[in-house]
C-alpha atoms as a PDB file:
ATOM      1  CA  GLN A   1     -47.826  19.594 -55.500  1.00  0.00           C
ATOM      2  CA  VAL A   2     -44.846  21.740 -54.580  1.00  0.00           C
ATOM      3  CA  HIS A   3     -43.077  23.823 -57.158  1.00  0.00           C
ATOM      4  CA  LEU A   4     -39.472  24.991 -56.800  1.00  0.00           C
ATOM      5  CA  VAL A   5     -37.977  27.804 -58.838  1.00  0.00           C
ATOM      6  CA  GLU A   6     -34.226  28.321 -58.760  1.00  0.00           C
ATOM      7  CA  SER A   7     -32.299  31.320 -59.973  1.00  0.00           C
ATOM      8  CA  GLY A   8     -28.868  32.898 -59.803  1.00  0.00           C
ATOM      9  CA  GLY A   9     -26.712  30.535 -61.802  1.00  0.00           C
ATOM     10  CA  GLU A  10     -24.399  32.071 -64.359  1.00  0.00           C
ATOM     11  CA  LEU A  11     -20.876  32.177 -65.712  1.00  0.00           C
ATOM     12  CA  VAL A  12     -18.340  33.580 -63.249  1.00  0.00           C
ATOM     13  CA  GLN A  13     -14.566  33.782 -63.080  1.00  0.00           C
ATOM     14  CA  ALA A  14     -12.580  31.757 -60.583  1.00  0.00           C
ATOM     15  CA  GLY A  15     -12.439  33.522 -57.241  1.00  0.00           C
ATOM     16  CA  GLY A  16     -15.809  35.134 -57.780  1.00  0.00           C
ATOM     17  CA  SER A  17     -19.084  34.796 -55.908  1.00  0.00           C
ATOM     18  CA  LEU A  18     -22.670  33.913 -56.714  1.00  0.00           C
ATOM     19  CA  ARG A  19     -25.870  33.640 -54.746  1.00  0.00           C
ATOM     20  CA  LEU A  20     -28.450  31.071 -55.730  1.00  0.00           C
ATOM     21  CA  SER A  21     -32.082  31.347 -54.702  1.00  0.00           C
ATOM     22  CA  CYS A  22     -34.865  28.788 -54.577  1.00  0.00           C
ATOM     23  CA  VAL A  23     -38.492  29.640 -53.883  1.00  0.00           C
ATOM     24  CA  ALA A  24     -40.956  26.943 -52.874  1.00  0.00           C
ATOM     25  CA  SER A  25     -44.667  27.263 -53.502  1.00  0.00           C
ATOM     26  CA  GLY A  26     -47.700  25.005 -53.339  1.00  0.00           C
ATOM     27  CA  SER A  27     -49.518  22.966 -50.742  1.00  0.00           C
ATOM     28  CA  ILE A  28     -46.938  23.296 -47.987  1.00  0.00           C
ATOM     29  CA  LEU A  29     -47.850  23.043 -44.331  1.00  0.00           C
ATOM     30  CA  SER A  30     -44.264  23.061 -43.139  1.00  0.00           C
ATOM     31  CA  ILE A  31     -40.758  22.598 -44.493  1.00  0.00           C
ATOM     32  CA  ASN A  32     -38.321  20.309 -42.744  1.00  0.00           C
ATOM     33  CA  THR A  33     -35.275  20.511 -44.969  1.00  0.00           C
ATOM     34  CA  MET A  34     -34.144  22.810 -47.733  1.00  0.00           C
ATOM     35  CA  ALA A  35     -30.993  21.763 -49.516  1.00  0.00           C
ATOM     36  CA  TRP A  36     -28.785  22.317 -52.499  1.00  0.00           C
ATOM     37  CA  TYR A  37     -27.315  19.534 -54.589  1.00  0.00           C
ATOM     38  CA  ARG A  38     -25.136  19.721 -57.658  1.00  0.00           C
ATOM     39  CA  GLN A  39     -24.302  17.495 -60.562  1.00  0.00           C
ATOM     40  CA  ALA A  40     -21.258  17.978 -62.738  1.00  0.00           C
ATOM     41  CA  PRO A  41     -20.972  16.337 -66.168  1.00  0.00           C
ATOM     42  CA  GLY A  42     -20.224  12.643 -65.830  1.00  0.00           C
ATOM     43  CA  LYS A  43     -20.604  12.698 -62.058  1.00  0.00           C
ATOM     44  CA  GLN A  44     -23.301  11.716 -59.597  1.00  0.00           C
ATOM     45  CA  ARG A  45     -25.483  14.286 -57.959  1.00  0.00           C
ATOM     46  CA  GLU A  46     -24.031  15.287 -54.598  1.00  0.00           C
ATOM     47  CA  LEU A  47     -25.243  17.185 -51.573  1.00  0.00           C
ATOM     48  CA  VAL A  48     -23.698  20.641 -51.319  1.00  0.00           C
ATOM     49  CA  ALA A  49     -25.478  22.093 -48.305  1.00  0.00           C
ATOM     50  CA  ALA A  50     -28.631  21.504 -46.302  1.00  0.00           C
ATOM     51  CA  ASP A  51     -30.626  23.286 -43.647  1.00  0.00           C
ATOM     52  CA  THR A  52     -32.819  21.090 -41.467  1.00  0.00           C
ATOM     53  CA  SER A  53     -34.818  23.202 -39.063  1.00  0.00           C
ATOM     54  CA  GLY A  54     -31.874  25.537 -38.631  1.00  0.00           C
ATOM     55  CA  SER A  55     -29.180  22.888 -38.419  1.00  0.00           C
ATOM     56  CA  THR A  56     -26.811  23.140 -41.367  1.00  0.00           C
ATOM     57  CA  ARG A  57     -24.373  20.749 -42.955  1.00  0.00           C
ATOM     58  CA  TYR A  58     -21.999  21.084 -45.876  1.00  0.00           C
ATOM     59  CA  ALA A  59     -19.972  18.987 -48.242  1.00  0.00           C
ATOM     60  CA  ASN A  60     -16.322  19.036 -47.232  1.00  0.00           C
ATOM     61  CA  SER A  61     -15.407  20.555 -50.585  1.00  0.00           C
ATOM     62  CA  VAL A  62     -17.427  23.730 -49.913  1.00  0.00           C
ATOM     63  CA  LYS A  63     -16.974  24.232 -46.175  1.00  0.00           C
ATOM     64  CA  GLY A  64     -15.777  27.726 -45.430  1.00  0.00           C
ATOM     65  CA  ARG A  65     -16.704  28.958 -48.904  1.00  0.00           C
ATOM     66  CA  PHE A  66     -20.460  28.360 -49.219  1.00  0.00           C
ATOM     67  CA  GLY A  67     -23.254  29.362 -46.873  1.00  0.00           C
ATOM     68  CA  ILE A  68     -26.865  28.185 -46.849  1.00  0.00           C
ATOM     69  CA  SER A  69     -29.640  30.270 -45.373  1.00  0.00           C
ATOM     70  CA  ARG A  70     -33.428  30.217 -45.267  1.00  0.00           C
ATOM     71  CA  ASP A  71     -36.153  32.810 -45.217  1.00  0.00           C
ATOM     72  CA  ALA A  72     -39.022  30.877 -43.700  1.00  0.00           C
ATOM     73  CA  ALA A  73     -41.560  33.618 -44.352  1.00  0.00           C
ATOM     74  CA  LYS A  74     -40.786  33.486 -48.064  1.00  0.00           C
ATOM     75  CA  SER A  75     -40.222  29.693 -48.254  1.00  0.00           C
ATOM     76  CA  THR A  76     -36.917  30.549 -49.831  1.00  0.00           C
ATOM     77  CA  VAL A  77     -33.473  29.065 -49.487  1.00  0.00           C
ATOM     78  CA  TYR A  78     -30.248  30.729 -50.577  1.00  0.00           C
ATOM     79  CA  LEU A  79     -26.790  29.444 -51.321  1.00  0.00           C
ATOM     80  CA  GLN A  80     -24.046  32.022 -51.063  1.00  0.00           C
ATOM     81  CA  MET A  81     -21.011  30.761 -52.941  1.00  0.00           C
ATOM     82  CA  ASN A  82     -17.662  32.475 -52.480  1.00  0.00           C
ATOM     83  CA  SER A  83     -14.162  31.748 -53.744  1.00  0.00           C
ATOM     84  CA  LEU A  84     -15.564  29.751 -56.611  1.00  0.00           C
ATOM     85  CA  ASN A  85     -13.256  27.490 -58.567  1.00  0.00           C
ATOM     86  CA  PRO A  86     -13.727  25.509 -61.798  1.00  0.00           C
ATOM     87  CA  GLU A  87     -14.481  22.339 -59.780  1.00  0.00           C
ATOM     88  CA  ASP A  88     -17.683  24.045 -58.623  1.00  0.00           C
ATOM     89  CA  THR A  89     -19.013  24.017 -62.169  1.00  0.00           C
ATOM     90  CA  ALA A  90     -22.246  22.038 -62.183  1.00  0.00           C
ATOM     91  CA  VAL A  91     -25.987  22.205 -62.398  1.00  0.00           C
ATOM     92  CA  TYR A  92     -27.250  23.144 -58.945  1.00  0.00           C
ATOM     93  CA  TYR A  93     -30.567  21.728 -57.783  1.00  0.00           C
ATOM     94  CA  CYS A  94     -32.793  22.807 -54.955  1.00  0.00           C
ATOM     95  CA  ASN A  95     -34.445  20.087 -52.880  1.00  0.00           C
ATOM     96  CA  VAL A  96     -37.185  20.448 -50.288  1.00  0.00           C
ATOM     97  CA  ILE A  97     -38.608  17.948 -47.827  1.00  0.00           C
ATOM     98  CA  TYR A  98     -41.961  19.169 -46.612  1.00  0.00           C
ATOM     99  CA  ARG A  99     -45.252  18.218 -45.040  1.00  0.00           C
ATOM    100  CA  ALA A 100     -48.261  19.003 -47.173  1.00  0.00           C
ATOM    101  CA  TRP A 101     -51.604  20.249 -45.931  1.00  0.00           C
ATOM    102  CA  THR A 102     -52.880  16.701 -46.403  1.00  0.00           C
ATOM    103  CA  GLY A 103     -50.356  15.517 -43.834  1.00  0.00           C
ATOM    104  CA  THR A 104     -48.215  13.590 -46.249  1.00  0.00           C
ATOM    105  CA  VAL A 105     -44.476  14.096 -46.449  1.00  0.00           C
ATOM    106  CA  GLY A 106     -43.126  15.109 -49.827  1.00  0.00           C
ATOM    107  CA  ASN A 107     -39.787  15.588 -51.522  1.00  0.00           C
ATOM    108  CA  SER A 108     -39.475  17.973 -54.454  1.00  0.00           C
ATOM    109  CA  TRP A 109     -36.706  19.000 -56.799  1.00  0.00           C
ATOM    110  CA  GLY A 110     -36.164  22.156 -58.784  1.00  0.00           C
ATOM    111  CA  GLN A 111     -35.293  22.215 -62.446  1.00  0.00           C
ATOM    112  CA  GLY A 112     -31.671  23.176 -61.812  1.00  0.00           C
ATOM    113  CA  THR A 113     -29.579  26.247 -62.480  1.00  0.00           C
ATOM    114  CA  GLN A 114     -26.247  26.159 -64.263  1.00  0.00           C
ATOM    115  CA  VAL A 115     -23.152  27.489 -62.530  1.00  0.00           C
ATOM    116  CA  THR A 116     -20.028  27.719 -64.670  1.00  0.00           C
ATOM    117  CA  VAL A 117     -16.714  28.854 -63.221  1.00  0.00           C
ATOM    118  CA  SER A 118     -14.012  29.806 -65.695  1.00  0.00           C
ATOM    119  CA  SER A 119     -10.330  29.580 -64.857  1.00  0.00           C
END
């Protein structure tokens, strides 16, 4: 079992910045991908940013404003969010694709952290 704990979500004014954190713990041999998704009310969950072994990709809507980074030693992934606007309001979820000590490949989700951007 792999457990993800997210933090950093809060209410912020438009134009502001936030940094989200996600710490992974459990029976992890290695991590392939650490990613952030978000889900706004009435909308489908969407990929925001992902880091796959150092290769990053972003949703078009956040390119140039958000940055994803990993601390491999701490099994932690961060999402730096700048120039926030009300359209960024959503619950942000951490997702990890990993290989367990048993050799199996797993996919875990965090519980989500709320980001609210006021205009």
